[in-house]
Amino acid sequence: MPVEWHEYMKMFIGLLVILNPMLAVPVFISLTESHTVRERLSSARRTAIAVGVVLTVSALLGQRLLDLFGISIDSFRVGGGLLILLMAVSMMHARMSGAQHTEKEGEEAQARDDVAVVPLAIPLLAGPGAISTAIIYAHRDPVWLHAVLIGEIWLTALLVWLTLRSALPISRAMGTTGINIATRLMGLVLAAIAVEFIVNGLKGMWLA
């Protein structure tokens, strides 16, 4: 079955919404408060690269990992969809899900000199929800669609970099209220994506 252009757009929007770099802006500012401008820009770059690497590896090796544990893609769609739905509910309340970042992790992060990979890239941005999304999107035919998916992963990583390197101007322009409104809207879109994952997974399990 041919993949239409709107499927590419749906994958891109799904990745961007689940990553939600806007929600990471306040955390990024807080964790890099004592950094120089050069250090902050370096952290933004390394965070984006780590996000791209983690999601690329997930897309390429996720199916093998599922096969290793004997988990069907339909079961994974349902489980991943439920996890993403919980994250969407947190986003609609302008909160960060515990699957992304816990209070204890935040306290530990404050003592770190390097916060780019942990906790910014993992698990704040490329957490369980984003990894699940990459694996689910990678389970599609034809195989060349994986190249499109990986390209979209790195495009979203580029947007993460642009957002984080401009975190201070974005925070000043939008304020807490503006960021919360954007987060709630993304949460609504993410909830719809999560429901689609769950429904498709249940259909596959029912017809199997």
C-alpha atoms as a PDB file:
ATOM      1  CA  MET A   1       0.000   0.000   0.000  1.00  0.00           C
ATOM      2  CA  PRO A   2       1.587   3.302  -1.040  1.00  0.00           C
ATOM      3  CA  VAL A   3       2.345   5.856   1.632  1.00  0.00           C
ATOM      4  CA  GLU A   4       0.850   9.262   0.924  1.00  0.00           C
ATOM      5  CA  TRP A   5       2.557  12.539   1.767  1.00  0.00           C
ATOM      6  CA  HIS A   6       0.217  13.097   4.712  1.00  0.00           C
ATOM      7  CA  GLU A   7       1.629   9.934   6.308  1.00  0.00           C
ATOM      8  CA  TYR A   8       5.086  11.513   6.223  1.00  0.00           C
ATOM      9  CA  MET A   9       3.636  14.654   7.777  1.00  0.00           C
ATOM     10  CA  LYS A  10       1.832  12.610  10.430  1.00  0.00           C
ATOM     11  CA  MET A  11       5.083  10.881  11.413  1.00  0.00           C
ATOM     12  CA  PHE A  12       6.935  14.194  11.596  1.00  0.00           C
ATOM     13  CA  ILE A  13       4.229  15.867  13.690  1.00  0.00           C
ATOM     14  CA  GLY A  14       4.066  12.812  15.954  1.00  0.00           C
ATOM     15  CA  LEU A  15       7.808  12.921  16.605  1.00  0.00           C
ATOM     16  CA  LEU A  16       7.819  16.685  17.165  1.00  0.00           C
ATOM     17  CA  VAL A  17       4.857  16.603  19.552  1.00  0.00           C
ATOM     18  CA  ILE A  18       6.187  13.692  21.599  1.00  0.00           C
ATOM     19  CA  LEU A  19       9.595  15.392  21.906  1.00  0.00           C
ATOM     20  CA  ASN A  20       7.960  18.760  22.677  1.00  0.00           C
ATOM     21  CA  PRO A  21      11.113  20.893  22.962  1.00  0.00           C
ATOM     22  CA  MET A  22       8.990  23.815  24.233  1.00  0.00           C
ATOM     23  CA  LEU A  23       8.322  21.926  27.459  1.00  0.00           C
ATOM     24  CA  ALA A  24      12.075  21.454  27.879  1.00  0.00           C
ATOM     25  CA  VAL A  25      12.809  25.197  27.640  1.00  0.00           C
ATOM     26  CA  PRO A  26      12.235  26.034  31.352  1.00  0.00           C
ATOM     27  CA  VAL A  27      14.169  22.925  32.433  1.00  0.00           C
ATOM     28  CA  PHE A  28      17.036  23.748  30.077  1.00  0.00           C
ATOM     29  CA  ILE A  29      17.249  27.313  31.409  1.00  0.00           C
ATOM     30  CA  SER A  30      17.204  26.072  35.000  1.00  0.00           C
ATOM     31  CA  LEU A  31      19.880  23.406  34.488  1.00  0.00           C
ATOM     32  CA  THR A  32      22.196  25.721  32.522  1.00  0.00           C
ATOM     33  CA  GLU A  33      21.654  28.800  34.693  1.00  0.00           C
ATOM     34  CA  SER A  34      25.292  28.920  35.807  1.00  0.00           C
ATOM     35  CA  HIS A  35      26.699  28.150  32.331  1.00  0.00           C
ATOM     36  CA  THR A  36      28.355  30.657  30.045  1.00  0.00           C
ATOM     37  CA  VAL A  37      26.754  31.427  26.680  1.00  0.00           C
ATOM     38  CA  ARG A  38      29.236  29.134  24.921  1.00  0.00           C
ATOM     39  CA  GLU A  39      28.550  26.285  27.368  1.00  0.00           C
ATOM     40  CA  ARG A  40      24.795  26.718  26.955  1.00  0.00           C
ATOM     41  CA  LEU A  41      25.071  26.582  23.164  1.00  0.00           C
ATOM     42  CA  SER A  42      27.300  23.514  23.428  1.00  0.00           C
ATOM     43  CA  SER A  43      24.759  21.806  25.696  1.00  0.00           C
ATOM     44  CA  ALA A  44      21.957  22.565  23.234  1.00  0.00           C
ATOM     45  CA  ARG A  45      23.964  21.064  20.365  1.00  0.00           C
ATOM     46  CA  ARG A  46      24.947  17.915  22.251  1.00  0.00           C
ATOM     47  CA  THR A  47      21.400  17.418  23.524  1.00  0.00           C
ATOM     48  CA  ALA A  48      20.015  17.548  19.975  1.00  0.00           C
ATOM     49  CA  ILE A  49      22.661  15.115  18.690  1.00  0.00           C
ATOM     50  CA  ALA A  50      21.940  12.696  21.535  1.00  0.00           C
ATOM     51  CA  VAL A  51      18.207  12.864  20.793  1.00  0.00           C
ATOM     52  CA  GLY A  52      18.836  12.081  17.118  1.00  0.00           C
ATOM     53  CA  VAL A  53      21.143   9.163  17.921  1.00  0.00           C
ATOM     54  CA  VAL A  54      18.810   7.598  20.507  1.00  0.00           C
ATOM     55  CA  LEU A  55      15.737   7.771  18.257  1.00  0.00           C
ATOM     56  CA  THR A  56      17.669   6.556  15.187  1.00  0.00           C
ATOM     57  CA  VAL A  57      18.966   3.518  17.084  1.00  0.00           C
ATOM     58  CA  SER A  58      15.449   2.880  18.423  1.00  0.00           C
ATOM     59  CA  ALA A  59      13.964   2.993  14.920  1.00  0.00           C
ATOM     60  CA  LEU A  60      16.614   0.670  13.481  1.00  0.00           C
ATOM     61  CA  LEU A  61      16.893  -1.865  16.301  1.00  0.00           C
ATOM     62  CA  GLY A  62      13.523  -1.619  18.039  1.00  0.00           C
ATOM     63  CA  GLN A  63      11.901  -4.464  16.099  1.00  0.00           C
ATOM     64  CA  ARG A  64      14.818  -6.791  16.888  1.00  0.00           C
ATOM     65  CA  LEU A  65      14.453  -5.977  20.572  1.00  0.00           C
ATOM     66  CA  LEU A  66      10.732  -6.767  20.432  1.00  0.00           C
ATOM     67  CA  ASP A  67      11.473 -10.060  18.663  1.00  0.00           C
ATOM     68  CA  LEU A  68      14.042 -10.914  21.329  1.00  0.00           C
ATOM     69  CA  PHE A  69      11.418 -10.622  24.057  1.00  0.00           C
ATOM     70  CA  GLY A  70       8.663 -12.169  21.928  1.00  0.00           C
ATOM     71  CA  ILE A  71       6.529  -9.016  21.926  1.00  0.00           C
ATOM     72  CA  SER A  72       4.258  -8.413  18.935  1.00  0.00           C
ATOM     73  CA  ILE A  73       4.169  -4.964  17.366  1.00  0.00           C
ATOM     74  CA  ASP A  74       0.416  -4.766  18.048  1.00  0.00           C
ATOM     75  CA  SER A  75       0.926  -5.394  21.770  1.00  0.00           C
ATOM     76  CA  PHE A  76       3.662  -2.777  21.738  1.00  0.00           C
ATOM     77  CA  ARG A  77       1.346  -0.315  19.974  1.00  0.00           C
ATOM     78  CA  VAL A  78      -1.227  -0.716  22.749  1.00  0.00           C
ATOM     79  CA  GLY A  79       1.347  -0.446  25.542  1.00  0.00           C
ATOM     80  CA  GLY A  80       3.178   2.451  23.908  1.00  0.00           C
ATOM     81  CA  GLY A  81      -0.114   4.175  23.160  1.00  0.00           C
ATOM     82  CA  LEU A  82      -1.175   3.960  26.809  1.00  0.00           C
ATOM     83  CA  LEU A  83       2.160   5.407  27.936  1.00  0.00           C
ATOM     84  CA  ILE A  84       1.905   8.241  25.409  1.00  0.00           C
ATOM     85  CA  LEU A  85      -1.713   8.905  26.456  1.00  0.00           C
ATOM     86  CA  LEU A  86      -0.601   9.331  30.078  1.00  0.00           C
ATOM     87  CA  MET A  87       2.083  11.764  28.906  1.00  0.00           C
ATOM     88  CA  ALA A  88      -0.529  13.644  26.857  1.00  0.00           C
ATOM     89  CA  VAL A  89      -2.769  14.019  29.911  1.00  0.00           C
ATOM     90  CA  SER A  90       0.161  15.472  31.867  1.00  0.00           C
ATOM     91  CA  MET A  91       0.887  17.878  29.006  1.00  0.00           C
ATOM     92  CA  MET A  92      -2.748  19.032  28.919  1.00  0.00           C
ATOM     93  CA  HIS A  93      -2.278  19.955  32.575  1.00  0.00           C
ATOM     94  CA  ALA A  94       0.981  21.750  31.628  1.00  0.00           C
ATOM     95  CA  ARG A  95       2.967  19.266  33.668  1.00  0.00           C
ATOM     96  CA  MET A  96       5.898  17.041  32.845  1.00  0.00           C
ATOM     97  CA  SER A  97       5.113  13.342  32.966  1.00  0.00           C
ATOM     98  CA  GLY A  98       6.969  11.171  35.480  1.00  0.00           C
ATOM     99  CA  ALA A  99       8.007   9.025  32.522  1.00  0.00           C
ATOM    100  CA  GLN A 100      10.070  11.967  31.293  1.00  0.00           C
ATOM    101  CA  HIS A 101      11.476  13.587  34.394  1.00  0.00           C
ATOM    102  CA  THR A 102      10.953  13.004  38.116  1.00  0.00           C
ATOM    103  CA  GLU A 103      11.612  15.362  40.998  1.00  0.00           C
ATOM    104  CA  LYS A 104      14.541  13.273  42.290  1.00  0.00           C
ATOM    105  CA  GLU A 105      16.104  13.238  38.822  1.00  0.00           C
ATOM    106  CA  GLY A 106      15.769  17.009  38.736  1.00  0.00           C
ATOM    107  CA  GLU A 107      17.540  17.341  42.081  1.00  0.00           C
ATOM    108  CA  GLU A 108      20.344  15.052  40.895  1.00  0.00           C
ATOM    109  CA  ALA A 109      20.652  16.979  37.633  1.00  0.00           C
ATOM    110  CA  GLN A 110      21.273  20.226  39.515  1.00  0.00           C
ATOM    111  CA  ALA A 111      24.544  18.753  40.803  1.00  0.00           C
ATOM    112  CA  ARG A 112      25.767  17.715  37.342  1.00  0.00           C
ATOM    113  CA  ASP A 113      28.264  19.742  35.369  1.00  0.00           C
ATOM    114  CA  ASP A 114      27.166  18.171  32.073  1.00  0.00           C
ATOM    115  CA  VAL A 115      23.385  17.931  31.644  1.00  0.00           C
ATOM    116  CA  ALA A 116      23.210  17.628  27.846  1.00  0.00           C
ATOM    117  CA  VAL A 117      22.812  13.849  27.539  1.00  0.00           C
ATOM    118  CA  VAL A 118      21.350  13.096  30.977  1.00  0.00           C
ATOM    119  CA  PRO A 119      18.785  14.337  31.851  1.00  0.00           C
ATOM    120  CA  LEU A 120      18.051  16.700  28.918  1.00  0.00           C
ATOM    121  CA  ALA A 121      18.304  14.244  26.014  1.00  0.00           C
ATOM    122  CA  ILE A 122      17.453  11.146  28.073  1.00  0.00           C
ATOM    123  CA  PRO A 123      14.839  10.926  29.513  1.00  0.00           C
ATOM    124  CA  LEU A 124      13.483  14.480  29.215  1.00  0.00           C
ATOM    125  CA  LEU A 125      13.239  14.585  25.404  1.00  0.00           C
ATOM    126  CA  ALA A 126      14.039  11.116  24.053  1.00  0.00           C
ATOM    127  CA  GLY A 127      12.261   9.276  26.831  1.00  0.00           C
ATOM    128  CA  PRO A 128      10.128   6.109  26.771  1.00  0.00           C
ATOM    129  CA  GLY A 129       7.319   7.823  24.856  1.00  0.00           C
ATOM    130  CA  ALA A 130       9.564   9.139  22.072  1.00  0.00           C
ATOM    131  CA  ILE A 131      11.406   5.814  21.811  1.00  0.00           C
ATOM    132  CA  SER A 132       8.094   3.941  21.593  1.00  0.00           C
ATOM    133  CA  THR A 133       6.899   6.302  18.868  1.00  0.00           C
ATOM    134  CA  ALA A 134      10.065   5.798  16.813  1.00  0.00           C
ATOM    135  CA  ILE A 135       9.762   1.992  17.064  1.00  0.00           C
ATOM    136  CA  ILE A 136       6.089   2.018  16.079  1.00  0.00           C
ATOM    137  CA  TYR A 137       6.663   4.328  13.110  1.00  0.00           C
ATOM    138  CA  ALA A 138       9.606   2.162  11.976  1.00  0.00           C
ATOM    139  CA  HIS A 139       7.349  -0.889  11.704  1.00  0.00           C
ATOM    140  CA  ARG A 140       6.038   0.015   8.259  1.00  0.00           C
ATOM    141  CA  ASP A 141       6.431  -1.087   4.675  1.00  0.00           C
ATOM    142  CA  PRO A 142       8.198  -0.424   2.384  1.00  0.00           C
ATOM    143  CA  VAL A 143      11.620  -0.635   3.978  1.00  0.00           C
ATOM    144  CA  TRP A 144      12.803   2.586   2.310  1.00  0.00           C
ATOM    145  CA  LEU A 145      10.306   4.384   4.526  1.00  0.00           C
ATOM    146  CA  HIS A 146      12.865   3.901   7.311  1.00  0.00           C
ATOM    147  CA  ALA A 147      15.133   6.352   5.498  1.00  0.00           C
ATOM    148  CA  VAL A 148      12.318   8.910   5.504  1.00  0.00           C
ATOM    149  CA  LEU A 149      11.694   8.292   9.195  1.00  0.00           C
ATOM    150  CA  ILE A 150      15.373   8.716  10.076  1.00  0.00           C
ATOM    151  CA  GLY A 151      15.473  11.935   8.056  1.00  0.00           C
ATOM    152  CA  GLU A 152      12.465  13.204  10.021  1.00  0.00           C
ATOM    153  CA  ILE A 153      14.102  12.174  13.291  1.00  0.00           C
ATOM    154  CA  TRP A 154      17.121  14.324  12.495  1.00  0.00           C
ATOM    155  CA  LEU A 155      14.875  17.165  11.341  1.00  0.00           C
ATOM    156  CA  THR A 156      13.131  17.131  14.718  1.00  0.00           C
ATOM    157  CA  ALA A 157      16.570  16.973  16.393  1.00  0.00           C
ATOM    158  CA  LEU A 158      17.477  20.118  14.421  1.00  0.00           C
ATOM    159  CA  LEU A 159      14.332  21.818  15.742  1.00  0.00           C
ATOM    160  CA  VAL A 160      15.283  20.728  19.271  1.00  0.00           C
ATOM    161  CA  TRP A 161      18.674  22.377  18.789  1.00  0.00           C
ATOM    162  CA  LEU A 162      17.154  25.590  17.431  1.00  0.00           C
ATOM    163  CA  THR A 163      14.660  25.719  20.309  1.00  0.00           C
ATOM    164  CA  LEU A 164      17.179  25.090  23.081  1.00  0.00           C
ATOM    165  CA  ARG A 165      19.811  27.484  21.711  1.00  0.00           C
ATOM    166  CA  SER A 166      17.076  30.158  21.684  1.00  0.00           C
ATOM    167  CA  ALA A 167      15.638  29.115  25.059  1.00  0.00           C
ATOM    168  CA  LEU A 168      16.159  32.471  26.780  1.00  0.00           C
ATOM    169  CA  PRO A 169      14.565  34.620  24.028  1.00  0.00           C
ATOM    170  CA  ILE A 170      11.685  32.117  23.717  1.00  0.00           C
ATOM    171  CA  SER A 171      11.115  32.174  27.466  1.00  0.00           C
ATOM    172  CA  ARG A 172      11.115  35.978  27.554  1.00  0.00           C
ATOM    173  CA  ALA A 173       8.800  36.269  24.534  1.00  0.00           C
ATOM    174  CA  MET A 174       6.256  33.603  25.462  1.00  0.00           C
ATOM    175  CA  GLY A 175       6.480  33.596  29.232  1.00  0.00           C
ATOM    176  CA  THR A 176       5.215  30.757  31.392  1.00  0.00           C
ATOM    177  CA  THR A 177       1.625  31.214  30.204  1.00  0.00           C
ATOM    178  CA  GLY A 178       2.533  31.049  26.515  1.00  0.00           C
ATOM    179  CA  ILE A 179       4.672  27.936  26.964  1.00  0.00           C
ATOM    180  CA  ASN A 180       1.876  26.274  28.962  1.00  0.00           C
ATOM    181  CA  ILE A 181      -0.692  27.052  26.256  1.00  0.00           C
ATOM    182  CA  ALA A 182       1.580  25.577  23.573  1.00  0.00           C
ATOM    183  CA  THR A 183       2.170  22.514  25.756  1.00  0.00           C
ATOM    184  CA  ARG A 184      -1.571  21.966  26.270  1.00  0.00           C
ATOM    185  CA  LEU A 185      -2.220  22.174  22.524  1.00  0.00           C
ATOM    186  CA  MET A 186       0.573  19.672  21.837  1.00  0.00           C
ATOM    187  CA  GLY A 187      -0.883  17.435  24.547  1.00  0.00           C
ATOM    188  CA  LEU A 188      -4.211  17.385  22.737  1.00  0.00           C
ATOM    189  CA  VAL A 189      -2.549  16.362  19.464  1.00  0.00           C
ATOM    190  CA  LEU A 190      -0.468  13.761  21.300  1.00  0.00           C
ATOM    191  CA  ALA A 191      -3.599  12.273  22.883  1.00  0.00           C
ATOM    192  CA  ALA A 192      -5.106  11.768  19.415  1.00  0.00           C
ATOM    193  CA  ILE A 193      -1.899  10.058  18.225  1.00  0.00           C
ATOM    194  CA  ALA A 194      -1.896   7.821  21.314  1.00  0.00           C
ATOM    195  CA  VAL A 195      -5.521   6.774  20.724  1.00  0.00           C
ATOM    196  CA  GLU A 196      -4.679   5.927  17.103  1.00  0.00           C
ATOM    197  CA  PHE A 197      -1.780   3.733  18.260  1.00  0.00           C
ATOM    198  CA  ILE A 198      -4.037   1.930  20.736  1.00  0.00           C
ATOM    199  CA  VAL A 199      -6.872   1.407  18.238  1.00  0.00           C
ATOM    200  CA  ASN A 200      -4.522   0.116  15.522  1.00  0.00           C
ATOM    201  CA  GLY A 201      -2.875  -2.210  18.022  1.00  0.00           C
ATOM    202  CA  LEU A 202      -6.209  -3.596  19.198  1.00  0.00           C
ATOM    203  CA  LYS A 203      -7.343  -4.086  15.593  1.00  0.00           C
ATOM    204  CA  GLY A 204      -4.165  -6.001  14.798  1.00  0.00           C
ATOM    205  CA  MET A 205      -4.543  -8.189  17.885  1.00  0.00           C
ATOM    206  CA  TRP A 206      -8.202  -8.849  17.116  1.00  0.00           C
ATOM    207  CA  LEU A 207      -7.544  -9.822  13.495  1.00  0.00           C
ATOM    208  CA  ALA A 208      -4.458 -11.899  14.253  1.00  0.00           C
END
